[in-house]
Protein backbone atom coordinates (compact mmCIF):
# COMPACT_ATOMS: atom_id res chain seq x y z
CA PRO A 1 -6.44 -2.22 -14.75
CA TYR A 2 -4.34 -2.20 -11.53
CA ALA A 3 -2.02 -5.32 -12.00
CA ARG A 4 0.55 -2.83 -14.14
CA ARG A 5 3.12 -4.94 -15.49
CA VAL A 6 6.11 -3.88 -17.32
CA ASP A 7 6.44 -5.67 -21.12
CA ALA A 8 9.32 -8.77 -21.49
CA PRO A 9 11.84 -7.60 -22.40
CA ARG A 10 13.72 -8.67 -26.25
CA GLY A 11 16.15 -10.85 -26.76
CA GLY A 12 14.62 -13.66 -25.24
CA GLU A 13 15.74 -13.00 -21.96
CA ARG A 14 13.53 -13.64 -18.93
CA PRO A 15 10.54 -10.92 -18.47
CA ALA A 16 11.08 -8.36 -15.88
CA THR A 17 8.43 -7.37 -14.00
CA LYS A 18 7.08 -4.75 -11.98
CA GLU A 19 4.94 -5.83 -8.43
CA THR A 20 1.28 -5.23 -8.58
CA VAL A 21 0.38 -2.24 -6.51
CA GLU A 22 -1.62 -4.47 -3.83
CA HIS A 23 2.17 -6.09 -3.82
CA THR A 24 3.15 -2.50 -3.11
CA ILE A 25 1.02 -2.01 -0.17
CA LEU A 26 1.25 -5.10 1.37
CA ARG A 27 4.78 -4.58 1.37
CA VAL A 28 4.88 -1.33 2.77
CA ALA A 29 2.44 -2.16 5.30
CA LYS A 30 4.06 -5.36 6.50
CA LYS A 31 7.89 -2.54 6.80
CA ASN A 32 5.36 -0.37 8.23
CA ARG A 33 3.97 -1.84 10.82
CA GLY A 34 0.28 -2.19 9.68
CA VAL A 35 0.48 1.61 8.35
CA ALA A 36 0.32 2.35 3.99
CA THR A 37 -0.04 6.10 3.00
CA PRO A 38 -0.74 6.87 -0.66
CA ALA A 39 2.78 9.05 -0.74
CA GLU A 40 4.20 6.26 0.53
CA VAL A 41 2.97 3.39 -1.92
CA ALA A 42 3.57 5.31 -4.37
CA LEU A 43 7.18 6.25 -3.87
CA GLU A 44 8.20 2.54 -3.28
CA GLY A 45 5.74 1.36 -6.24
CA ASN A 46 6.81 4.00 -8.58
CA TYR A 47 2.75 4.88 -8.71
CA THR A 48 1.22 8.41 -8.99
CA THR A 49 -0.42 9.29 -5.26
CA ASP A 50 -3.94 9.00 -6.86
CA GLU A 51 -3.39 5.64 -8.28
CA ALA A 52 -1.79 4.08 -4.61
CA LYS A 53 -5.06 6.03 -3.02
CA GLU A 54 -7.37 4.50 -5.82
CA TYR A 55 -6.17 1.00 -5.06
CA LEU A 56 -5.91 1.73 -1.02
CA ASP A 57 -9.38 2.64 -0.89
CA LYS A 58 -10.07 0.17 -2.59
CA LEU A 59 -8.75 -2.42 0.04
CA VAL A 60 -10.84 -0.31 2.13
CA SER A 61 -13.88 -1.13 0.70
CA LYS A 62 -12.91 -5.19 0.92
CA GLY A 63 -11.77 -4.87 4.39
CA VAL A 64 -8.33 -5.82 3.96
CA ALA A 65 -7.72 -2.22 5.25
CA GLU A 66 -9.45 0.35 6.99
CA VAL A 67 -8.63 4.35 7.23
CA ARG A 68 -7.37 5.86 10.90
CA VAL A 69 -6.92 8.82 12.14
CA LYS A 70 -3.30 9.24 13.31
CA LYS A 71 -3.35 11.27 17.33
CA SER A 72 -1.51 14.01 15.11
CA GLY A 73 -4.90 14.55 12.37
CA VAL A 74 -3.08 12.66 9.94
CA LEU A 75 -5.36 10.01 8.27
CA VAL A 76 -3.50 6.53 6.87
CA TYR A 77 -4.51 3.52 5.75
CA VAL A 78 -3.79 0.40 8.49
CA LEU A 79 -3.55 -3.46 7.35
CA PRO A 80 -4.83 -5.13 10.49
CA ASP A 81 -2.59 -8.46 9.83
CA PHE A 82 0.25 -6.37 9.94
CA LEU A 83 -0.96 -3.93 13.06
CA ASP A 84 1.99 -4.43 15.64
CA GLU A 85 0.07 -4.08 18.76
CA ASP A 86 2.12 -1.38 20.46
CA ARG A 87 1.30 0.98 17.30
CA GLU A 88 -2.47 1.18 18.57
CA SER A 89 -1.23 4.27 21.00
CA GLU A 90 -1.14 6.49 18.12
CA PHE A 91 -4.68 6.14 16.93
CA GLU A 92 -7.73 8.32 17.36
CA LEU A 93 -10.34 6.25 19.30
């Protein structure tokens, strides 16, 4: 249910594909040096924030992502594989 893709166009053209929610999350996290929010993922992938949050939560349950609190009090999702060490100081301990 999370691998939404666009149907192939008519007329024998190559099918246009839409990236999966997971791929959008990974792209956003890499671009943001390890951090993603539901709003960023929704905007980048044309998903609802509820869809983005649901999938981010699934990645947390799989151990791929973590929920962290920034010193500003904002909750964000961190993907440690992409996290720059210099960003560690942004989070509560």
